[in-house]
Amino acid sequence: MQKAITVKYQSDKNNNVDELNQLLEEGWKVVSQSPVGLVPAVSSLVILEKN
C-alpha cells in the first residue's frame, strides 16, 4: 500500500512534520521525496509505503 502526503514547513510552529513522524512510527517507510515549494513555505511531496 502506498500513500502520498505533502509535508509543509514554514516555521517551527507552522508545519505538519508531526503528521509525517506519526506515519513513520506506524510503520510507514519513505519511498521518495521531492521538493515542491518555495521560500518561505517549503513543501515536499513524500511517497510512503507500508506492507
C-alpha atoms as a PDB file:
ATOM      1  CA  MET A   1       0.000   0.000   0.000  1.00  0.00           C
ATOM      2  CA  GLN A   2       1.269   3.498  -0.812  1.00  0.00           C
ATOM      3  CA  LYS A   3       0.331   6.921   0.445  1.00  0.00           C
ATOM      4  CA  ALA A   4       1.331  10.408  -0.677  1.00  0.00           C
ATOM      5  CA  ILE A   5       1.406  13.416   1.622  1.00  0.00           C
ATOM      6  CA  THR A   6       2.619  16.966   1.243  1.00  0.00           C
ATOM      7  CA  VAL A   7       4.803  17.944   4.161  1.00  0.00           C
ATOM      8  CA  LYS A   8       4.746  21.710   4.698  1.00  0.00           C
ATOM      9  CA  TYR A   9       7.270  23.652   6.734  1.00  0.00           C
ATOM     10  CA  GLN A  10       7.116  27.397   7.201  1.00  0.00           C
ATOM     11  CA  SER A  11       8.418  27.651  10.775  1.00  0.00           C
ATOM     12  CA  ASP A  12       8.792  25.563  13.925  1.00  0.00           C
ATOM     13  CA  LYS A  13       5.192  26.439  14.827  1.00  0.00           C
ATOM     14  CA  ASN A  14       3.684  26.317  11.335  1.00  0.00           C
ATOM     15  CA  ASN A  15       4.282  22.864   9.853  1.00  0.00           C
ATOM     16  CA  ASN A  16       2.854  19.356   9.663  1.00  0.00           C
ATOM     17  CA  VAL A  17       6.057  17.390  10.318  1.00  0.00           C
ATOM     18  CA  ASP A  18       4.263  15.687  13.237  1.00  0.00           C
ATOM     19  CA  GLU A  19       1.936  14.018  10.708  1.00  0.00           C
ATOM     20  CA  LEU A  20       4.938  12.515   8.893  1.00  0.00           C
ATOM     21  CA  ASN A  21       6.533  11.430  12.177  1.00  0.00           C
ATOM     22  CA  GLN A  22       3.288   9.709  13.234  1.00  0.00           C
ATOM     23  CA  LEU A  23       3.108   7.756   9.977  1.00  0.00           C
ATOM     24  CA  LEU A  24       6.741   6.680  10.354  1.00  0.00           C
ATOM     25  CA  GLU A  25       6.002   5.471  13.906  1.00  0.00           C
ATOM     26  CA  GLU A  26       3.105   3.423  12.489  1.00  0.00           C
ATOM     27  CA  GLY A  27       5.498   1.539  10.211  1.00  0.00           C
ATOM     28  CA  TRP A  28       5.285   3.563   7.004  1.00  0.00           C
ATOM     29  CA  LYS A  29       8.583   3.975   5.133  1.00  0.00           C
ATOM     30  CA  VAL A  30       9.615   6.815   2.832  1.00  0.00           C
ATOM     31  CA  VAL A  31       9.930   5.622  -0.780  1.00  0.00           C
ATOM     32  CA  SER A  32      10.672   9.011  -2.337  1.00  0.00           C
ATOM     33  CA  GLN A  33      10.660  12.722  -1.598  1.00  0.00           C
ATOM     34  CA  SER A  34      10.530  15.693  -3.955  1.00  0.00           C
ATOM     35  CA  PRO A  35      10.660  19.385  -3.055  1.00  0.00           C
ATOM     36  CA  VAL A  36       7.629  21.274  -4.350  1.00  0.00           C
ATOM     37  CA  GLY A  37       7.640  24.583  -2.504  1.00  0.00           C
ATOM     38  CA  LEU A  38       9.364  27.928  -2.450  1.00  0.00           C
ATOM     39  CA  VAL A  39      10.619  30.096   0.384  1.00  0.00           C
ATOM     40  CA  PRO A  40       9.156  30.997   2.883  1.00  0.00           C
ATOM     41  CA  ALA A  41       6.809  27.963   2.831  1.00  0.00           C
ATOM     42  CA  VAL A  42       8.820  24.895   1.878  1.00  0.00           C
ATOM     43  CA  SER A  43       6.874  21.801   0.853  1.00  0.00           C
ATOM     44  CA  SER A  44       7.825  18.275  -0.102  1.00  0.00           C
ATOM     45  CA  LEU A  45       5.809  15.568  -1.747  1.00  0.00           C
ATOM     46  CA  VAL A  46       6.543  12.423   0.267  1.00  0.00           C
ATOM     47  CA  ILE A  47       5.596   8.972  -1.004  1.00  0.00           C
ATOM     48  CA  LEU A  48       5.241   6.400   1.768  1.00  0.00           C
ATOM     49  CA  GLU A  49       4.843   2.646   1.605  1.00  0.00           C
ATOM     50  CA  LYS A  50       3.617   0.072   4.083  1.00  0.00           C
ATOM     51  CA  ASN A  51       3.432  -3.695   3.615  1.00  0.00           C
END
